[in-house]
C-alpha cells in the first residue's frame, strides 16, 4: 500500500428533515386538528482514531464525505427518521486543520478517540408542534437546519515513543528489525527505506513504539532527499536515537556524519534538540569500528555513546535498558498530558453565532438591502408559504426594529427594503 500522510477532504453533515402541515381527517374525530410530524435530525460526521491504519491512502481519491440527511416528517404525527452518522476512520496521530485559516480542529492521539467535526442539522417542526390553546389550527411549520460543512486538511504525524534518525546506510532498518516486530527493508544502498516504519519493542513488561525514519541527508530540512517529507514524524517522539555507522564504506568521516544530522534537526525545528537523544555507534564489528568510535568519542567529549552491532545484536540490550528506565520516569506525566490534549477540543462552530447584527446597504435612492446571519437562518428555517409563517418570520427577525434602524440611516416612508428575496415598504 502506498504511503500517504496528507490529504484534503470536504466534510458535510446531513441536513435536518422538514416538518409538514397535515390535518387529521377521521370519521370519529370531526374537529380534526393539526397532525403534521417533525423532520428527523441530520447525521453527524465523526472522526475516529484507528490504530490498525497507518496511512491516509484510503482518502487519496475521496474528495467529499457526507452524512445522511434526516427524513421529512409525515402525517399522523410521524416523525421523520434521523440520518445515519458517518464515521471517518483515521490513523492515530492525524491532525485535522481547517483549510480556511489553517487552525487545528482536532488532534487524534488515541485509538477509538471520537470527535464530532460536523454536526447534523436539526429537524424542522410540523404544524402539530405549534398547536396551542389560542391557535388550535396552526399553519406553522419549519424546514430542517442545514448540516455543518468544512473543508479540512488531514496530516499524519506518527505517534511513536522513539524515533530513529541517521544518514542512509547507518543501519536503522537492521536495528529496528532486530529489536521489534517491524519488517523494514534492508539493502546496501541509500534510501532503502522509503517511508516511516513502526515497530513495537517489548522490554521488562513494557511496550514502546519505535519509528524508523527514512534516511536524512544534508539539506533535508530544505527539501533535499526524503528527509523533509518525514521529519515531522519525529516531532511527537519522546526520545530520539541517532545512529551513526562506524564503517568507512558508509562514512568518510564519522564526525561529519554526526554533525550533518544534528544540523538538519536544528534547521527543521530547534526544539528537537531538547529531546533526550541517544547517540549510537553502529557497525562496531567492522574493521575500523573501534578507531572511528574513539574519534567520535573525543569529538563529543562528555556525551554518552552506545556502541552496538545491529547486525548481530551486540550491546543492544544496554541501550534498551536505559531507554525504558528513562521512559518509566515520565510515563505517568506523558499519559496525563496526552489525556489533557485529547479532551481539549470542542465542537468547532462552523456557522456564525445568530446575533442581531444587521448590515444595511443603500442600493438606490429609495432602495435598501438588509442582511444578517440571523435573518438568513430564519429565512431558511421558516418557509414563506403560509400567513402564519410570514407573521412568525417577521417576529423572529424583529421587523419593527429593522424599520427603525432604516429610518436612522435615512430611509423615509415609501422606500423599499429587501430582506433575502422579499420586498418590504417602509411604513
Foldseek 3Di string as FASTA:
>chain_A
DDAAFKDKEKEFWAWWAWWEWDWADDPVCVVIFTFIAWWAWTAFEKEFEAQVDDHPVVCPPHHYDYWHYTHYTDGRHRYTHYTHHHYDYDHQQKWKAFPVVRHTQAHRHDGGQMDGQKGTWHIKGYPVVVDDPVPGHDRFIWHTGTIDMTIIMIGGAAQFQEEEAFAFPLCLQLQLVLFFVKDQADDDDAQSDQAKIWGWGDDPNDIGIYIYGHYDFACVLVPPDRNVVRVSNCPNHQEYEYGFELDCVVPVARQVRVVRRVVSNCSNPVCVVVHHYAYEYEPCVDDCNVVRVVVVCVVVPPDDYHYAYSNVGGRVVVVVVVVVVVCVVCVVVVVVVSVCSSPVHDHDDRDDDLDLDKDWDDPDPQEIEIDDSNLVRLPNTQDPPDPSSVVVSCVSNVVVVVLVVVVVVPHDFQRWYDRPHDIDTRD
